[in-house]
Protein backbone atom coordinates (compact mmCIF):
# COMPACT_ATOMS: atom_id res chain seq x y z
CA MET A 1 95.25 105.98 105.54
CA ASP A 2 95.87 109.52 104.42
CA ILE A 3 96.45 109.43 100.58
CA LYS A 4 97.61 112.96 100.56
CA GLN A 5 100.29 112.39 103.15
CA VAL A 6 101.44 109.32 101.30
CA LEU A 7 101.83 111.25 98.12
CA SER A 8 103.69 114.08 99.98
CA ASP A 9 106.22 111.54 101.78
CA LEU A 10 106.83 110.26 98.09
CA GLY A 11 107.34 113.59 96.51
CA VAL A 12 104.15 113.04 94.18
CA LYS A 13 102.39 116.18 93.36
CA ASP A 14 99.02 117.14 91.57
CA THR A 15 101.05 117.65 88.31
CA ASN A 16 104.34 115.90 87.76
CA ALA A 17 106.97 115.68 85.08
CA GLY A 18 106.50 112.27 83.44
CA VAL A 19 109.98 112.21 82.00
CA MET A 20 112.81 112.38 84.48
CA ILE A 21 116.79 112.25 83.96
CA GLY A 22 117.79 111.79 87.47
CA GLY A 23 115.91 114.37 89.22
CA ARG A 24 115.53 116.67 86.11
CA GLY A 25 111.80 116.72 84.99
CA LEU A 26 110.91 116.93 81.37
CA GLY A 27 107.80 115.90 79.22
CA SER A 28 106.41 118.13 76.67
CA GLY A 29 103.85 115.53 75.53
CA PRO A 30 100.12 115.39 76.36
CA SER A 31 99.31 115.07 80.14
CA ILE A 32 97.93 111.79 81.52
CA ASP A 33 95.93 111.23 84.53
CA SER A 34 96.19 108.55 87.20
CA LEU A 35 92.84 107.24 88.27
CA SER A 36 92.48 105.04 91.11
CA PRO A 37 90.29 101.92 90.77
CA THR A 38 89.93 101.86 94.51
CA ASP A 39 87.46 104.91 94.40
CA GLY A 40 87.40 106.20 90.79
CA GLU A 41 89.26 109.47 92.01
CA LYS A 42 91.93 111.25 90.05
CA ILE A 43 95.10 111.00 91.99
CA ALA A 44 97.43 113.39 89.98
CA SER A 45 98.50 114.16 86.30
CA LEU A 46 101.68 113.87 84.61
CA SER A 47 103.39 114.81 81.34
CA THR A 48 104.35 112.41 78.90
CA ALA A 49 107.42 112.08 76.37
CA THR A 50 107.73 113.26 72.79
CA ALA A 51 110.27 112.07 70.51
CA SER A 52 112.32 115.00 71.25
CA ASP A 53 112.00 114.33 75.00
CA TYR A 54 113.28 110.69 74.41
CA GLU A 55 116.23 111.70 72.38
CA GLY A 56 117.13 114.03 75.28
CA VAL A 57 116.85 111.08 77.75
CA MET A 58 118.99 108.83 75.48
CA GLU A 59 121.62 111.34 75.26
CA ALA A 60 121.79 111.66 79.05
CA ALA A 61 121.72 107.89 79.48
CA SER A 62 124.47 107.32 76.91
CA GLN A 63 126.74 109.91 78.63
CA ALA A 64 126.02 108.59 81.98
CA PHE A 65 126.99 105.08 80.92
CA VAL A 66 130.59 106.33 79.99
CA GLU A 67 131.11 107.41 83.66
CA TRP A 68 128.92 104.90 85.49
CA GLY A 69 130.79 101.94 83.77
CA LYS A 70 134.12 103.18 85.15
CA TRP A 71 133.03 102.74 88.59
CA SER A 72 133.93 99.32 90.31
CA ALA A 73 131.24 96.89 90.53
CA PRO A 74 131.33 96.93 94.48
CA GLU A 75 131.13 100.79 94.37
CA ARG A 76 128.04 100.37 92.33
CA GLY A 77 126.77 97.61 94.74
CA GLU A 78 127.07 100.12 97.56
CA ILE A 79 124.83 102.65 95.75
CA VAL A 80 122.15 99.83 95.19
CA ARG A 81 122.56 99.00 98.88
CA GLN A 82 121.79 102.65 99.91
CA PHE A 83 118.81 102.64 97.70
CA GLY A 84 117.51 99.40 99.22
CA ASP A 85 117.84 101.16 102.65
CA ALA A 86 115.89 104.30 101.26
CA LEU A 87 113.22 101.74 100.25
CA ARG A 88 113.07 100.42 103.68
CA GLU A 89 112.21 104.06 105.09
CA LYS A 90 109.60 104.61 102.47
CA LYS A 91 108.18 101.11 102.41
CA ALA A 92 104.83 101.94 104.11
CA SER A 93 104.25 104.76 101.81
CA LEU A 94 105.29 103.20 98.52
CA GLY A 95 103.32 100.13 99.54
CA ALA A 96 100.29 102.41 100.04
CA LEU A 97 100.64 104.11 96.68
CA VAL A 98 100.97 100.75 94.83
CA SER A 99 97.81 99.68 96.59
CA TYR A 100 95.92 102.74 95.87
CA GLU A 101 96.99 103.30 92.18
CA MET A 102 96.94 99.65 91.11
CA GLY A 103 94.17 98.20 93.27
CA LYS A 104 96.06 95.30 95.05
CA SER A 105 95.77 94.82 98.68
CA TYR A 106 97.94 96.89 101.18
CA GLN A 107 99.58 93.71 102.46
CA GLU A 108 100.45 92.94 98.67
CA GLY A 109 101.68 96.40 98.01
CA LEU A 110 104.07 96.08 101.04
CA GLY A 111 105.14 92.77 99.75
CA GLU A 112 105.85 94.19 96.34
CA VAL A 113 108.25 96.97 98.16
CA GLN A 114 109.76 94.19 100.04
CA GLU A 115 110.65 92.43 96.76
CA MET A 116 112.61 95.62 95.70
CA ILE A 117 114.41 95.43 99.09
CA ASP A 118 115.22 91.87 98.61
CA ILE A 119 116.61 92.37 95.07
CA CYS A 120 118.75 95.26 96.18
CA ASP A 121 120.11 92.97 98.89
CA PHE A 122 120.82 90.24 96.35
CA ALA A 123 122.45 92.62 93.73
CA LEU A 124 124.69 94.03 96.51
CA GLY A 125 126.12 90.56 96.94
CA GLN A 126 126.10 89.71 93.49
CA SER A 127 128.30 93.03 92.88
CA ARG A 128 131.27 91.09 94.20
CA MET A 129 130.62 87.92 92.32
CA LEU A 130 130.25 88.89 88.60
CA TYR A 131 132.48 85.82 87.91
CA GLY A 132 133.91 84.72 84.61
CA LEU A 133 135.80 81.42 83.96
CA THR A 134 139.51 80.48 83.28
CA MET A 135 140.28 77.45 80.93
CA HIS A 136 143.38 75.78 79.64
CA SER A 137 144.57 76.85 76.09
CA GLU A 138 145.57 74.08 73.64
CA ARG A 139 148.61 76.30 72.96
CA ARG A 140 151.74 76.43 75.06
CA ASN A 141 152.42 79.67 76.77
CA HIS A 142 148.59 80.89 76.44
CA ARG A 143 146.09 81.75 78.82
CA MET A 144 142.28 81.99 78.16
CA TYR A 145 139.56 83.32 80.38
CA GLU A 146 136.07 84.89 79.97
CA GLN A 147 135.01 88.16 81.69
CA TYR A 148 131.77 90.15 81.59
CA HIS A 149 131.22 93.80 80.72
CA PRO A 150 128.16 96.09 80.83
CA LEU A 151 125.94 96.25 78.00
CA GLY A 152 125.03 99.96 78.10
CA VAL A 153 121.61 101.28 78.04
CA VAL A 154 118.90 98.95 79.21
CA GLY A 155 115.30 99.61 78.36
CA ILE A 156 112.74 98.38 80.75
CA ILE A 157 109.04 98.34 79.83
CA SER A 158 106.79 97.25 82.80
CA ALA A 159 103.32 96.25 83.42
CA PHE A 160 100.44 97.80 85.76
CA ASN A 161 100.08 94.64 87.87
CA PHE A 162 103.52 95.12 89.41
CA PRO A 163 104.31 98.60 89.01
CA VAL A 164 107.55 98.77 91.04
CA ALA A 165 108.91 95.35 91.75
CA VAL A 166 109.64 94.30 88.21
CA TRP A 167 111.39 97.64 87.37
CA CYS A 168 113.63 96.89 90.52
CA TRP A 169 114.43 93.60 89.50
CA ASN A 170 115.87 94.71 86.34
CA THR A 171 117.51 97.91 87.44
CA ALA A 172 119.23 96.44 90.55
CA LEU A 173 120.85 93.99 88.63
CA ALA A 174 121.61 96.15 85.54
CA TRP A 175 123.05 98.85 87.91
CA ILE A 176 125.58 96.62 89.49
CA SER A 177 126.50 95.28 86.04
CA GLY A 178 127.34 98.88 85.05
CA ASP A 179 124.29 99.56 82.89
CA VAL A 180 122.16 102.56 82.93
CA CYS A 181 118.28 102.14 82.66
CA VAL A 182 115.69 103.90 80.67
CA TRP A 183 112.02 102.89 82.27
CA LYS A 184 108.89 102.96 80.31
CA PRO A 185 106.26 102.33 83.03
CA SER A 186 102.50 101.28 82.36
CA GLU A 187 100.19 104.09 81.60
CA LYS A 188 97.79 102.58 84.08
CA ALA A 189 100.11 103.20 87.13
CA PRO A 190 102.46 106.01 86.19
CA LEU A 191 102.66 107.83 89.53
CA CYS A 192 104.59 104.80 91.17
CA SER A 193 107.42 105.45 88.63
CA ILE A 194 107.76 109.12 89.60
CA ALA A 195 107.78 108.01 93.45
CA CYS A 196 110.53 105.27 92.74
CA GLN A 197 112.62 107.96 90.69
CA ASN A 198 112.16 110.35 93.74
CA ILE A 199 113.64 107.92 96.00
CA TRP A 200 116.49 107.04 93.83
CA VAL A 201 117.39 110.72 93.23
CA GLU A 202 118.06 111.26 96.83
CA VAL A 203 120.44 108.36 96.91
CA ALA A 204 122.13 109.28 93.59
CA ARG A 205 122.63 112.96 94.46
CA ALA A 206 124.36 112.09 97.91
CA ASN A 207 126.76 109.93 96.00
CA ASN A 208 127.40 112.05 93.00
CA VAL A 209 125.81 109.42 90.68
CA PRO A 210 125.44 110.79 87.08
CA ASP A 211 121.67 111.71 86.25
CA GLY A 212 121.27 109.50 83.45
CA VAL A 213 122.01 106.27 85.35
CA SER A 214 118.23 106.13 86.09
CA CYS A 215 115.63 107.84 83.43
CA VAL A 216 111.86 107.52 83.37
CA VAL A 217 109.75 107.91 80.20
CA ASN A 218 106.27 107.91 80.54
CA GLY A 219 103.96 107.70 77.54
CA ASP A 220 101.80 105.36 75.42
CA TYR A 221 102.92 102.55 73.24
CA LYS A 222 104.84 104.84 71.05
CA VAL A 223 107.51 105.13 73.71
CA GLY A 224 107.85 101.37 73.80
CA GLU A 225 108.31 101.45 70.10
CA MET A 226 111.05 103.84 70.32
CA LEU A 227 112.89 101.92 72.99
CA SER A 228 112.31 98.67 71.01
CA ASN A 229 113.71 100.02 67.61
CA ASP A 230 116.59 102.05 69.12
CA LYS A 231 119.92 100.63 68.52
CA ARG A 232 121.27 102.44 71.37
CA VAL A 233 119.50 100.20 73.60
CA PRO A 234 121.08 96.70 73.37
CA LEU A 235 118.75 95.23 75.76
CA VAL A 236 114.98 95.58 76.05
CA SER A 237 113.30 93.74 79.10
CA ALA A 238 109.66 93.83 78.67
CA THR A 239 106.82 92.51 80.83
CA GLY A 240 103.32 92.46 79.61
CA SER A 241 100.94 90.36 77.30
CA THR A 242 102.02 87.85 74.89
CA ARG A 243 100.75 90.15 72.09
CA MET A 244 102.87 93.13 73.15
CA GLY A 245 106.06 90.76 73.68
CA LYS A 246 105.77 89.49 70.10
CA LEU A 247 105.78 92.98 68.86
CA VAL A 248 108.85 94.04 71.12
CA ALA A 249 110.75 90.74 70.24
CA GLN A 250 110.21 91.30 66.35
CA ALA A 251 111.42 94.87 66.57
CA VAL A 252 114.33 94.15 68.75
CA ALA A 253 115.42 91.13 66.54
CA ALA A 254 115.26 93.22 63.44
CA ARG A 255 118.13 95.25 64.82
CA LEU A 256 119.73 92.04 66.37
CA GLY A 257 119.37 93.28 69.80
CA ARG A 258 118.44 91.44 73.02
CA ALA A 259 114.95 91.13 74.31
CA LEU A 260 114.19 89.79 77.89
CA LEU A 261 110.59 88.99 77.72
CA GLU A 262 108.27 88.01 80.66
CA LEU A 263 104.77 87.54 79.32
CA GLY A 264 101.39 85.81 79.86
CA GLY A 265 100.70 82.91 82.24
CA ASN A 266 98.03 80.27 82.19
CA ASN A 267 99.07 78.70 85.42
CA ALA A 268 97.83 75.48 86.76
CA LEU A 269 97.62 73.48 90.08
CA ILE A 270 97.35 69.67 90.00
CA ILE A 271 95.75 68.33 93.14
CA THR A 272 96.43 64.59 93.78
CA PRO A 273 94.59 62.09 96.02
CA ASP A 274 97.61 62.39 98.29
CA ALA A 275 97.37 66.18 98.77
CA ASP A 276 96.96 67.80 102.19
CA LEU A 277 93.83 69.87 101.76
CA LYS A 278 94.68 72.07 104.61
CA VAL A 279 97.54 73.47 102.39
CA VAL A 280 95.52 72.99 99.08
CA VAL A 281 92.63 75.50 99.90
CA PRO A 282 94.75 78.52 100.99
CA ALA A 283 97.24 78.09 98.33
CA ALA A 284 94.47 77.75 95.65
CA VAL A 285 92.43 80.70 96.79
CA PHE A 286 95.25 83.18 97.10
CA GLY A 287 96.65 82.15 93.85
CA ALA A 288 93.34 82.73 92.13
CA VAL A 289 92.08 85.83 93.82
CA GLY A 290 95.29 87.56 94.86
CA THR A 291 95.72 91.04 93.13
CA CYS A 292 92.15 90.26 91.86
CA GLY A 293 93.58 87.50 89.53
CA GLN A 294 95.99 90.16 87.90
CA ARG A 295 99.32 88.37 88.43
CA CYS A 296 101.22 86.73 85.80
CA THR A 297 101.58 83.69 88.06
CA SER A 298 97.82 83.86 89.28
CA THR A 299 96.31 80.30 89.44
CA ARG A 300 94.12 80.06 86.30
CA ARG A 301 93.26 76.35 86.44
CA ILE A 302 93.01 73.52 88.99
CA ILE A 303 93.29 70.14 87.72
CA ILE A 304 91.91 67.64 90.40
CA HIS A 305 92.01 63.98 90.62
CA SER A 306 88.54 62.46 90.20
CA SER A 307 88.67 60.55 93.67
CA VAL A 308 88.85 63.98 95.65
CA TYR A 309 87.14 66.11 92.88
CA ASP A 310 83.99 66.88 94.76
CA LYS A 311 85.52 67.23 98.08
CA VAL A 312 88.02 69.93 96.70
CA LYS A 313 85.19 71.74 94.61
CA ASP A 314 83.06 71.72 97.90
CA GLN A 315 85.89 73.14 100.03
CA LEU A 316 86.84 75.72 97.37
CA THR A 317 83.29 76.83 97.02
CA GLN A 318 83.02 77.28 100.79
CA ALA A 319 86.42 79.21 100.97
CA TYR A 320 85.18 81.51 98.36
CA LYS A 321 82.13 82.71 100.52
CA GLN A 322 84.64 84.00 102.98
CA VAL A 323 86.60 86.20 100.55
CA ARG A 324 86.22 89.71 101.54
CA ILE A 325 86.19 92.30 98.71
CA GLY A 326 86.62 95.96 98.97
CA ASP A 327 88.91 99.07 99.65
CA PRO A 328 92.51 97.46 99.15
CA LEU A 329 93.86 99.88 101.91
CA ASP A 330 91.53 98.32 104.35
CA GLU A 331 93.56 95.38 105.85
CA ASN A 332 90.33 93.64 106.45
CA ASN A 333 89.78 92.94 102.90
CA HIS A 334 91.45 90.13 100.72
CA VAL A 335 90.67 91.42 97.29
CA GLY A 336 90.57 94.96 95.69
CA PRO A 337 89.41 96.09 92.24
CA LEU A 338 90.40 95.28 88.91
CA ILE A 339 92.53 97.87 87.04
CA ASP A 340 90.11 99.79 84.92
CA GLN A 341 86.63 99.22 83.30
CA GLY A 342 88.37 97.54 80.38
CA ALA A 343 89.61 94.75 82.62
CA VAL A 344 85.97 94.53 84.00
CA ASP A 345 84.60 94.16 80.37
CA GLY A 346 87.29 91.26 79.75
CA TYR A 347 86.19 89.51 82.83
CA LEU A 348 82.42 89.67 81.99
CA ALA A 349 83.24 88.55 78.32
CA ALA A 350 85.23 85.69 79.72
CA LEU A 351 82.07 84.49 81.98
CA ARG A 352 79.86 84.71 78.89
CA ASP A 353 82.29 82.52 77.00
CA VAL A 354 82.58 80.08 79.75
CA GLU A 355 78.84 79.24 79.23
CA SER A 356 78.63 79.49 75.57
CA GLN A 357 81.43 77.12 75.16
CA GLY A 358 79.85 74.40 77.42
CA GLY A 359 81.31 75.25 80.81
CA LYS A 360 79.43 75.49 84.15
CA VAL A 361 79.78 78.48 86.53
CA LEU A 362 79.89 77.13 90.16
CA VAL A 363 80.49 80.42 91.93
CA SER A 364 78.89 83.03 89.96
CA GLY A 365 80.80 86.49 89.16
CA GLY A 366 79.36 89.91 88.62
CA VAL A 367 80.36 93.62 89.27
CA LEU A 368 79.82 94.83 92.78
CA GLU A 369 77.62 97.91 93.16
CA GLY A 370 76.67 100.35 96.10
CA ALA A 371 78.69 101.96 98.77
CA GLY A 372 82.38 101.36 98.70
CA TYR A 373 82.17 100.19 94.86
CA GLU A 374 81.59 103.48 93.14
CA SER A 375 84.55 102.96 90.87
CA GLY A 376 82.90 100.09 89.05
CA CYS A 377 85.92 98.04 89.18
CA TYR A 378 85.09 95.56 91.79
CA VAL A 379 84.01 92.11 90.72
CA LYS A 380 83.25 88.74 92.41
CA PRO A 381 85.82 85.91 92.04
CA ALA A 382 84.20 83.08 90.02
CA ILE A 383 84.69 79.36 89.74
CA ALA A 384 83.73 77.33 86.57
CA GLU A 385 83.90 73.78 85.78
CA VAL A 386 85.49 73.35 82.28
CA THR A 387 87.43 71.19 80.11
CA ASN A 388 91.09 72.31 79.14
CA ASP A 389 90.42 72.31 75.31
CA MET A 390 87.81 75.27 75.62
CA GLN A 391 89.12 78.19 73.83
CA ILE A 392 88.46 80.57 76.73
CA VAL A 393 90.56 78.28 79.08
CA GLN A 394 93.47 78.34 76.61
CA ASN A 395 93.55 82.05 76.85
CA GLU A 396 94.70 84.22 79.69
CA THR A 397 91.98 86.19 81.35
CA PHE A 398 93.71 88.80 83.70
CA ALA A 399 90.82 88.51 86.30
CA PRO A 400 89.61 86.29 89.14
CA ILE A 401 88.10 83.42 87.32
CA LEU A 402 89.20 79.91 88.37
CA TYR A 403 88.76 76.90 86.05
CA ILE A 404 88.67 73.44 87.56
CA MET A 405 88.87 70.21 85.79
CA LYS A 406 89.30 66.43 86.47
CA TYR A 407 92.06 63.91 85.60
CA GLU A 408 92.65 60.23 86.03
CA THR A 409 96.24 59.57 85.99
CA ILE A 410 99.27 61.83 86.83
CA GLU A 411 100.49 61.56 83.24
CA GLY A 412 97.30 62.92 82.05
CA ALA A 413 97.35 65.62 84.53
CA ILE A 414 100.73 66.74 83.48
CA ALA A 415 99.56 66.84 79.76
CA ILE A 416 96.68 68.95 80.87
CA GLN A 417 98.96 71.36 82.71
CA ASN A 418 101.35 71.62 79.61
CA GLY A 419 98.45 71.72 77.17
CA VAL A 420 98.30 75.62 76.78
CA ALA A 421 100.51 78.00 74.90
CA GLN A 422 101.93 79.57 78.15
CA GLY A 423 104.57 78.28 80.40
CA LEU A 424 105.17 80.30 83.39
CA SER A 425 104.19 78.86 86.71
CA SER A 426 102.88 75.50 87.79
CA ALA A 427 102.39 73.46 90.95
CA ILE A 428 101.39 70.02 92.18
CA MET A 429 99.92 69.34 95.63
CA THR A 430 101.05 65.74 96.75
CA ASN A 431 102.72 63.75 99.39
CA ASN A 432 103.53 61.05 96.78
CA LEU A 433 107.28 61.37 96.27
CA ARG A 434 106.94 59.56 92.91
CA GLU A 435 104.25 61.98 91.57
CA ALA A 436 106.36 65.01 92.84
CA GLU A 437 109.55 63.74 91.18
CA LEU A 438 107.84 63.05 88.04
CA PHE A 439 106.16 66.58 87.87
CA LEU A 440 109.65 68.21 88.31
CA SER A 441 111.45 65.91 85.69
CA ALA A 442 112.00 66.54 82.04
CA ALA A 443 108.82 64.46 81.57
CA GLY A 444 106.81 66.82 83.91
CA SER A 445 105.92 70.49 83.93
CA ASP A 446 107.13 72.60 80.92
CA CYS A 447 107.12 75.61 82.95
CA GLY A 448 109.81 77.93 84.09
CA ILE A 449 108.54 77.54 87.67
CA ALA A 450 107.37 74.29 88.93
CA ASN A 451 106.43 74.06 92.80
CA VAL A 452 105.46 71.04 95.05
CA ASN A 453 103.07 71.70 97.79
CA ILE A 454 103.03 75.44 97.44
CA GLY A 455 100.92 77.57 95.05
CA THR A 456 101.77 79.02 91.62
CA SER A 457 101.79 82.45 92.89
CA GLY A 458 104.49 84.10 95.12
CA ALA A 459 108.13 83.85 94.03
CA GLU A 460 111.29 84.37 95.82
CA ILE A 461 114.09 86.76 94.82
CA GLY A 462 116.76 84.00 95.01
CA GLY A 463 115.44 81.97 92.07
CA ALA A 464 115.38 83.10 88.57
CA PHE A 465 111.97 84.20 87.54
CA GLY A 466 110.40 83.56 84.01
CA GLY A 467 108.73 80.93 81.56
CA GLU A 468 108.75 79.15 78.57
CA LYS A 469 106.71 78.98 75.25
CA GLU A 470 104.59 82.12 74.91
CA THR A 471 105.76 83.47 78.43
CA GLY A 472 108.97 84.56 76.35
CA GLY A 473 111.85 82.68 77.74
CA GLY A 474 113.26 85.50 79.80
CA ARG A 475 114.64 85.04 83.36
CA GLU A 476 114.91 87.98 85.84
CA SER A 477 115.70 88.41 89.45
CA GLY A 478 117.89 85.84 91.09
CA SER A 479 120.31 82.97 90.36
CA ASP A 480 122.47 84.01 87.36
CA ALA A 481 120.01 86.50 85.74
CA TRP A 482 122.60 88.97 86.08
CA LYS A 483 124.34 87.65 82.93
CA ALA A 484 121.43 88.99 80.86
CA TYR A 485 122.51 92.46 81.57
CA MET A 486 126.08 92.09 80.51
CA ARG A 487 128.11 90.94 77.54
CA ARG A 488 130.65 87.95 77.67
CA GLN A 489 134.02 88.38 76.33
CA THR A 490 136.65 85.47 75.76
CA ASN A 491 140.26 86.57 76.25
CA THR A 492 143.38 84.81 75.25
CA ILE A 493 146.80 85.95 76.17
CA ASN A 494 149.98 84.81 74.40
CA TYR A 495 152.91 85.34 76.93
CA GLY A 496 155.34 83.29 74.84
CA LYS A 497 157.79 84.45 72.15
CA ASP A 498 156.15 82.21 69.34
CA LEU A 499 152.83 82.46 67.57
CA PRO A 500 151.33 78.91 67.56
CA LEU A 501 147.95 78.74 65.74
CA ALA A 502 144.80 77.01 67.20
CA GLN A 503 144.20 73.51 65.81
CA GLY A 504 147.74 73.11 64.66
CA ILE A 505 147.45 75.35 61.68
CA LYS A 506 150.48 76.08 60.05
CA PHE A 507 151.20 79.33 58.38
CA GLU A 508 154.73 80.48 57.57
CA LEU A 509 155.87 83.46 55.64
C-alpha cells in the first residue's frame, strides 16, 4: 500500500496545522512529529496549540454554536448523513492511515472507520427522535412537558488506540443535538485528526456550516487541562487511562461541569464446562491480541472451570502459535506493533512482575527483532497462569498479556470477574441457561458490558458503550447516549385564568 498516496488522498502533508477551526489552520506552538510504530518512520509534523490559539478556537466555537443551534435537528442530521457518505468514500485511505499511524491491523483500521459510518447513520435517525416527555399536572388548566436543548461547546479528549472512532461517537451525537465540538486528539496519533477534519470540511463548506462547529486542538496534556478547566465547555468527554480520567473529573467537577468518562478496563472471560470451545478459542485470542492488546475492551483475564482448565489452556497455547505478527498493512498478519517504546517497556515490566509475584509464564513474550521489526515495537503475545489477587493482575497493562486462572463454582467465577477496580467489559462462554442468566443478573457481572458466547472486545453502535467503577460511568454511542450531550428542561404552561400553586399552597394578597 502506497502511504504517500494515502496521505495525499486525505490531505495530510509533510507539515500540517495542528489547530483547525473548520478548514482554517492555526497553531503557533512547538511542532510534534507523528512516528509510525509500523516501521519507525516519521510520517509528518504538525503544529500545536498555545493558550492564545486555544482562545481563538473557543471564540470561534462559541460563535458557531449560536448559529448551529438555530438549525433544526433534522437539518443537522442531514449534514451528519453527508459526513457519513464522505467517510464511505475515504474508508480505505482513512483505515490505512489509522493502521499505519497507530499500528492496528488494516482490517481493524477499516473496522474503526466503519464504526464512524455506523454512528453517523445512527445519529441521522436520532436527529428526528430527540424526544421529551409529557405528563399531567396536578393543577387544573396546566400542561407539563420536558424537552432537550443543546449544551454548547463539547470538549473531546481521545486516546491513541481508537484515534478516529471515539471522536466520531461523540461528535455525531453532539452535532445532531446542536452542540459544537472541540477535539483534543492523542499526541501519539495526531495526523488522524487532521484527516478527519479535512473530510468534515468538504461537507461543511458545501452546506455553509459555520467553521467553529468542528475544531481540532492538537497539543500535550496542557490542552486537556484548558478544556477541563474552561467554564465555556459544559461537557468534557474524555477517553484514556483511569489516572487521566480522575484528573479531568476533578477539574470539571470543581466548576460543576459535566464529565463523560471512558477509562480503563480489566476485562474477563469466564469459560464454563458447558462452553463450546469452537467459539471460545477465536473469541479469546482476538480479544487478547487484537490491536496488540491495546483496546479498552481487550481480554485481560480468562477464568476457566477446573474441569476444562487443562484442555482450554492447551488449545489457547496452540492457537497462539498460529498468530502472525508483522506489518499491520499486510493483511496476512493478525497483530501489529505496540504504539511506542514506552508501551514496550510497560509490557516487559509486566512480564517481570508476573514472575516476581508468583505467576507462571506459559507462552513467553519478548521483543521481536530483525527484518520487518526495525521499529522495536513488535512484541510476542504472552499467556501467564496467575491468581486474581496478584497486583499485576489488578492493574491494566495495555499490551498483549493474557492471564488465565481457575474457578470451581459459577458464583466464585463471578466474584473473580468483579474483583478488580475496573468495570468495562465482561463475557461468559456457556450453553447453560441458568449460568448465563445469573451472569447477566444484578448478582452477576458488575460491568457496563456483559456478553454471552461472544468475547469482551468488539461493540456495536446500537448499544450504549461504557463501564462502571474506575471505568468512569460514562456512556457513548447508541441507545439514549444522546441525552449526555443535551440539557433537559421541564416546562409548565398555565392556560387558565387563575394561579393555583403546587401542593395546594395558599398565597393570597
